Amino acid sequence: MFDWVPVVFISFKVIVFGTGMFLAIKWHYDQGRMGRQTERRAVLVAIGKVAAVCVPLLLGVLFVTFTVAGKLGLT
């Protein structure tokens, strides 16, 4: 039988970190708009670069984790 605890914790972690990253990026973007006008395009490109790096790394870590867990007989 499948254990739902890791699914719940990983889902919770993704939601919390996703919300935190969104709010941090929004706060920094809003601070930039107040003090000096930053280009919206530059901010979106930076967000895209961060996402392009973080998403594959996250998927790689998840793959390695589940592969190791499978070899140890934890799944």
Protein backbone atom coordinates (compact mmCIF):
# COMPACT_ATOMS: atom_id res chain seq x y z
CA MET A 1 0.00 0.00 0.00
CA PHE A 2 1.19 3.47 -0.84
CA ASP A 3 2.16 5.77 2.01
CA TRP A 4 0.52 9.19 1.64
CA VAL A 5 2.71 11.02 4.18
CA PRO A 6 5.51 11.93 1.71
CA VAL A 7 2.94 13.06 -0.87
CA VAL A 8 1.27 15.36 1.65
CA PHE A 9 4.57 16.77 2.96
CA ILE A 10 6.05 17.32 -0.50
CA SER A 11 2.85 18.98 -1.70
CA PHE A 12 2.78 21.21 1.37
CA LYS A 13 6.44 22.11 0.89
CA VAL A 14 5.91 23.00 -2.77
CA ILE A 15 2.90 25.18 -1.92
CA VAL A 16 4.68 26.97 0.95
CA PHE A 17 7.91 27.58 -0.96
CA GLY A 18 6.04 28.57 -4.12
CA THR A 19 3.97 31.09 -2.20
CA GLY A 20 7.05 32.39 -0.42
CA MET A 21 8.98 32.81 -3.66
CA PHE A 22 6.04 34.57 -5.32
CA LEU A 23 5.65 37.00 -2.40
CA ALA A 24 9.40 37.65 -2.17
CA ILE A 25 9.64 38.39 -5.90
CA LYS A 26 6.52 40.57 -5.75
CA TRP A 27 7.85 42.49 -2.72
CA HIS A 28 11.20 43.13 -4.39
CA TYR A 29 9.49 44.14 -7.60
CA ASP A 30 7.19 46.55 -5.73
CA GLN A 31 10.15 48.04 -3.86
CA GLY A 32 11.90 48.63 -7.18
CA ARG A 33 8.82 50.35 -8.59
CA MET A 34 8.61 52.69 -5.60
CA GLY A 35 12.26 53.76 -5.53
CA ARG A 36 13.23 53.61 -9.16
CA GLN A 37 11.50 52.39 -12.26
CA THR A 38 12.86 48.97 -13.14
CA GLU A 39 12.03 47.43 -16.43
CA ARG A 40 9.30 44.87 -16.14
CA ARG A 41 10.89 42.80 -18.84
CA ALA A 42 14.18 42.53 -16.92
CA VAL A 43 12.35 41.30 -13.83
CA LEU A 44 10.39 38.72 -15.82
CA VAL A 45 13.57 37.51 -17.54
CA ALA A 46 15.27 37.12 -14.16
CA ILE A 47 12.29 35.15 -12.82
CA GLY A 48 12.37 32.97 -15.92
CA LYS A 49 16.08 32.26 -15.47
CA VAL A 50 15.60 31.33 -11.82
CA ALA A 51 12.68 29.06 -12.70
CA ALA A 52 14.63 27.50 -15.58
CA VAL A 53 17.40 26.55 -13.14
CA CYS A 54 15.32 25.61 -10.07
CA VAL A 55 12.65 23.43 -11.70
CA PRO A 56 15.07 20.93 -13.31
CA LEU A 57 17.14 20.84 -10.14
CA LEU A 58 14.03 20.12 -8.08
CA LEU A 59 12.97 17.36 -10.47
CA GLY A 60 16.49 15.90 -10.35
CA VAL A 61 16.52 15.86 -6.56
CA LEU A 62 13.09 14.21 -6.48
CA PHE A 63 14.22 11.59 -9.02
CA VAL A 64 17.39 10.79 -7.06
CA THR A 65 15.45 10.65 -3.79
CA PHE A 66 12.85 8.22 -5.09
CA THR A 67 15.53 6.13 -6.88
CA VAL A 68 17.58 5.79 -3.69
CA ALA A 69 14.43 5.09 -1.65
CA GLY A 70 13.44 2.38 -4.13
CA LYS A 71 16.85 0.74 -3.96
CA LEU A 72 16.69 0.77 -0.16
CA GLY A 73 13.27 -0.84 -0.25
CA LEU A 74 11.42 2.14 1.21
CA THR A 75 8.77 2.35 -1.48
